[in-house]
C-alpha atoms as a PDB file:
ATOM      1  CA  MET A   1       0.000   0.000   0.000  1.00  0.00           C
ATOM      2  CA  GLY A   2       1.302   3.435  -0.916  1.00  0.00           C
ATOM      3  CA  TYR A   3       0.604   6.668   0.874  1.00  0.00           C
ATOM      4  CA  ALA A   4      -0.347   8.761  -2.159  1.00  0.00           C
ATOM      5  CA  ARG A   5      -4.052   7.877  -1.844  1.00  0.00           C
ATOM      6  CA  TYR A   6      -5.908   5.837   0.748  1.00  0.00           C
ATOM      7  CA  THR A   7      -9.116   6.089   2.755  1.00  0.00           C
ATOM      8  CA  VAL A   8      -9.567   6.680   6.481  1.00  0.00           C
ATOM      9  CA  HIS A   9     -12.559   7.032   8.779  1.00  0.00           C
ATOM     10  CA  ARG A  10     -12.900  10.413  10.457  1.00  0.00           C
ATOM     11  CA  ASN A  11     -15.873  11.684  12.429  1.00  0.00           C
ATOM     12  CA  GLY A  12     -18.061   8.830  11.212  1.00  0.00           C
ATOM     13  CA  GLU A  13     -17.355   9.255   7.525  1.00  0.00           C
ATOM     14  CA  GLU A  14     -14.835   7.862   5.083  1.00  0.00           C
ATOM     15  CA  ILE A  15     -12.477  10.401   3.498  1.00  0.00           C
ATOM     16  CA  GLU A  16      -9.668  10.112   0.998  1.00  0.00           C
ATOM     17  CA  ALA A  17      -6.225  10.935   2.398  1.00  0.00           C
ATOM     18  CA  GLY A  18      -2.631  10.937   1.191  1.00  0.00           C
ATOM     19  CA  TYR A  19      -0.063  13.330  -0.211  1.00  0.00           C
ATOM     20  CA  ALA A  20      -1.647  13.150  -3.694  1.00  0.00           C
ATOM     21  CA  VAL A  21      -5.057  14.314  -2.403  1.00  0.00           C
ATOM     22  CA  GLU A  22      -5.215  18.062  -2.985  1.00  0.00           C
ATOM     23  CA  VAL A  23      -7.470  20.072  -0.649  1.00  0.00           C
ATOM     24  CA  VAL A  24      -7.472  23.418   1.145  1.00  0.00           C
ATOM     25  CA  CYS A  25      -6.640  24.048   4.801  1.00  0.00           C
ATOM     26  CA  GLU A  26      -9.508  23.059   7.092  1.00  0.00           C
ATOM     27  CA  GLU A  27      -9.135  26.183   9.249  1.00  0.00           C
ATOM     28  CA  SER A  28     -12.272  28.279   8.854  1.00  0.00           C
ATOM     29  CA  GLY A  29     -11.701  31.084   6.359  1.00  0.00           C
ATOM     30  CA  CYS A  30      -8.356  29.761   5.081  1.00  0.00           C
ATOM     31  CA  ALA A  31      -8.017  28.840   1.406  1.00  0.00           C
ATOM     32  CA  GLU A  32      -4.352  27.781   1.417  1.00  0.00           C
ATOM     33  CA  PRO A  33      -3.858  24.781  -0.894  1.00  0.00           C
ATOM     34  CA  ILE A  34      -2.448  21.722   0.891  1.00  0.00           C
ATOM     35  CA  ASP A  35      -2.686  17.954   0.598  1.00  0.00           C
ATOM     36  CA  ARG A  36      -3.918  15.282   2.978  1.00  0.00           C
ATOM     37  CA  GLY A  37      -0.441  13.929   3.634  1.00  0.00           C
ATOM     38  CA  LEU A  38       1.093  13.476   7.091  1.00  0.00           C
ATOM     39  CA  ASP A  39       2.857  16.835   6.789  1.00  0.00           C
ATOM     40  CA  PHE A  40      -0.455  18.666   7.241  1.00  0.00           C
ATOM     41  CA  LEU A  41      -2.143  16.241   9.675  1.00  0.00           C
ATOM     42  CA  CYS A  42      -3.331  17.271  13.153  1.00  0.00           C
ATOM     43  CA  GLY A  43      -2.285  14.435  15.451  1.00  0.00           C
ATOM     44  CA  GLN A  44      -0.325  11.316  14.700  1.00  0.00           C
ATOM     45  CA  THR A  45      -2.835   9.050  12.955  1.00  0.00           C
ATOM     46  CA  PRO A  46      -4.903   9.853   9.857  1.00  0.00           C
ATOM     47  CA  GLY A  47      -8.555   9.867  10.864  1.00  0.00           C
ATOM     48  CA  GLY A  48      -7.805  11.256  14.339  1.00  0.00           C
ATOM     49  CA  ASP A  49      -6.488   9.837  17.572  1.00  0.00           C
ATOM     50  CA  GLU A  50      -5.947  10.820  21.200  1.00  0.00           C
ATOM     51  CA  PHE A  51      -3.334  13.333  20.007  1.00  0.00           C
ATOM     52  CA  GLY A  52      -5.377  15.311  17.490  1.00  0.00           C
ATOM     53  CA  CYS A  53      -8.572  15.623  15.470  1.00  0.00           C
ATOM     54  CA  GLY A  54      -7.185  14.167  12.235  1.00  0.00           C
ATOM     55  CA  GLY A  55      -7.878  17.350  10.284  1.00  0.00           C
ATOM     56  CA  TYR A  56      -5.476  18.811   7.732  1.00  0.00           C
ATOM     57  CA  PHE A  57      -4.070  22.321   8.183  1.00  0.00           C
ATOM     58  CA  CYS A  58      -1.590  24.592   6.396  1.00  0.00           C
ATOM     59  CA  TYR A  59       1.673  25.545   8.106  1.00  0.00           C
ATOM     60  CA  ALA A  60       0.195  28.831   9.341  1.00  0.00           C
ATOM     61  CA  HIS A  61      -2.482  26.933  11.267  1.00  0.00           C
ATOM     62  CA  GLN A  62      -0.293  24.173  12.758  1.00  0.00           C
ATOM     63  CA  HIS A  63       1.475  24.185  16.109  1.00  0.00           C
ATOM     64  CA  ALA A  64       4.271  21.988  17.427  1.00  0.00           C
ATOM     65  CA  ALA A  65       3.148  18.950  19.372  1.00  0.00           C
ATOM     66  CA  PRO A  66       3.729  19.122  23.146  1.00  0.00           C
ATOM     67  CA  ASN A  67       6.712  17.529  24.895  1.00  0.00           C
ATOM     68  CA  GLY A  68       8.534  16.266  21.840  1.00  0.00           C
ATOM     69  CA  GLU A  69       5.648  14.227  20.428  1.00  0.00           C
ATOM     70  CA  PHE A  70       5.577  13.656  16.705  1.00  0.00           C
ATOM     71  CA  GLY A  71       3.282  15.538  14.394  1.00  0.00           C
ATOM     72  CA  GLN A  72       1.563  18.838  14.887  1.00  0.00           C
ATOM     73  CA  ARG A  73      -1.717  20.160  16.288  1.00  0.00           C
ATOM     74  CA  CYS A  74      -4.389  22.557  15.118  1.00  0.00           C
ATOM     75  CA  ALA A  75      -5.372  25.429  17.395  1.00  0.00           C
ATOM     76  CA  ARG A  76      -8.426  23.533  18.687  1.00  0.00           C
ATOM     77  CA  CYS A  77      -6.439  20.451  19.720  1.00  0.00           C
ATOM     78  CA  LEU A  78      -3.337  22.132  21.117  1.00  0.00           C
ATOM     79  CA  PRO A  79      -4.968  23.764  24.166  1.00  0.00           C
ATOM     80  CA  SER A  80      -6.717  20.522  25.001  1.00  0.00           C
ATOM     81  CA  MET A  81      -3.423  18.750  25.671  1.00  0.00           C
ATOM     82  CA  ASP A  82      -1.912  18.582  29.151  1.00  0.00           C
ATOM     83  CA  ASP A  83       1.816  18.585  29.915  1.00  0.00           C
ATOM     84  CA  ASP A  84       2.018  14.815  29.458  1.00  0.00           C
ATOM     85  CA  GLY A  85       0.344  14.886  26.027  1.00  0.00           C
ATOM     86  CA  ASN A  86      -3.003  13.596  27.332  1.00  0.00           C
ATOM     87  CA  ARG A  87      -6.278  15.127  26.285  1.00  0.00           C
ATOM     88  CA  ALA A  88      -7.069  17.586  29.069  1.00  0.00           C
ATOM     89  CA  ASP A  89     -10.772  17.464  28.196  1.00  0.00           C
ATOM     90  CA  ASN A  90     -10.817  13.766  29.123  1.00  0.00           C
ATOM     91  CA  PRO A  91     -12.074  13.756  32.753  1.00  0.00           C
ATOM     92  CA  ALA A  92     -10.726  10.264  33.490  1.00  0.00           C
ATOM     93  CA  ALA A  93      -7.214  11.157  32.286  1.00  0.00           C
ATOM     94  CA  LEU A  94      -7.290  14.434  34.203  1.00  0.00           C
ATOM     95  CA  LEU A  95      -8.441  12.755  37.417  1.00  0.00           C
ATOM     96  CA  ALA A  96      -5.785  10.045  37.014  1.00  0.00           C
ATOM     97  CA  ALA A  97      -3.080  12.695  36.590  1.00  0.00           C
ATOM     98  CA  VAL A  98      -4.218  14.558  39.715  1.00  0.00           C
ATOM     99  CA  ARG A  99      -4.426  11.345  41.750  1.00  0.00           C
ATOM    100  CA  GLU A 100      -0.969  10.239  40.603  1.00  0.00           C
ATOM    101  CA  TYR A 101       0.459  13.604  41.573  1.00  0.00           C
ATOM    102  CA  VAL A 102      -1.269  13.659  44.968  1.00  0.00           C
ATOM    103  CA  GLU A 103      -0.178  10.089  45.768  1.00  0.00           C
ATOM    104  CA  THR A 104       3.480  10.876  45.105  1.00  0.00           C
ATOM    105  CA  THR A 105       5.417  12.760  47.751  1.00  0.00           C
ATOM    106  CA  ASP A 106       7.595  15.824  47.534  1.00  0.00           C
ATOM    107  CA  ASP A 107      10.646  15.915  49.778  1.00  0.00           C
ATOM    108  CA  ASP A 108       8.685  17.977  52.287  1.00  0.00           C
ATOM    109  CA  GLY A 109       5.318  16.308  51.578  1.00  0.00           C
ATOM    110  CA  ILE A 110       3.608  19.599  50.742  1.00  0.00           C
ATOM    111  CA  ARG A 111       1.262  19.995  47.791  1.00  0.00           C
ATOM    112  CA  THR A 112       0.996  23.540  46.541  1.00  0.00           C
ATOM    113  CA  ARG A 113      -1.953  25.102  44.769  1.00  0.00           C
ATOM    114  CA  GLU A 114       0.263  26.018  41.806  1.00  0.00           C
ATOM    115  CA  GLN A 115       1.411  22.428  41.271  1.00  0.00           C
ATOM    116  CA  VAL A 116      -2.118  21.030  41.240  1.00  0.00           C
ATOM    117  CA  LEU A 117      -3.343  23.869  39.012  1.00  0.00           C
ATOM    118  CA  ARG A 118      -0.542  23.057  36.571  1.00  0.00           C
ATOM    119  CA  ILE A 119      -2.127  19.643  36.079  1.00  0.00           C
ATOM    120  CA  VAL A 120      -5.730  20.848  36.031  1.00  0.00           C
ATOM    121  CA  GLY A 121      -5.055  23.853  33.789  1.00  0.00           C
ATOM    122  CA  PRO A 122      -6.216  27.451  33.914  1.00  0.00           C
ATOM    123  CA  THR A 123      -9.719  28.494  34.836  1.00  0.00           C
ATOM    124  CA  PRO A 124     -11.751  30.081  32.006  1.00  0.00           C
ATOM    125  CA  GLU A 125     -11.050  33.497  33.560  1.00  0.00           C
ATOM    126  CA  GLU A 126      -7.291  32.850  33.681  1.00  0.00           C
ATOM    127  CA  ASP A 127      -7.379  31.560  30.105  1.00  0.00           C
ATOM    128  CA  LYS A 128      -9.063  34.778  28.883  1.00  0.00           C
ATOM    129  CA  ALA A 129      -6.395  36.871  30.620  1.00  0.00           C
ATOM    130  CA  ARG A 130      -3.627  35.209  28.562  1.00  0.00           C
END
């Protein structure tokens, strides 16, 4: 199987993907010509995965993946990643990260508000202030 043209399932529908499939950037209002190759993919797996939505975006609308992960992210997927590359909007993953942190011990055994908030992320008010 080559990677010039192939099909993947994304958001419940089958789409054609590959570096020979010419499309435009999926960012609203952008008409930059791109292809559906891995170079323009949000996430690591065509069709979407826990790392990204599986959309295709031009270089202007891509962001580096967190913590040395492969691939890139669109603006919608990048803020939803925590420091460990987990989807921050996944309540089970977020709760597991907080529990793991709380169950480990600092040298002095103190948990600070800032350390827990780093895992949980900013409040909507703090996010607007950025």
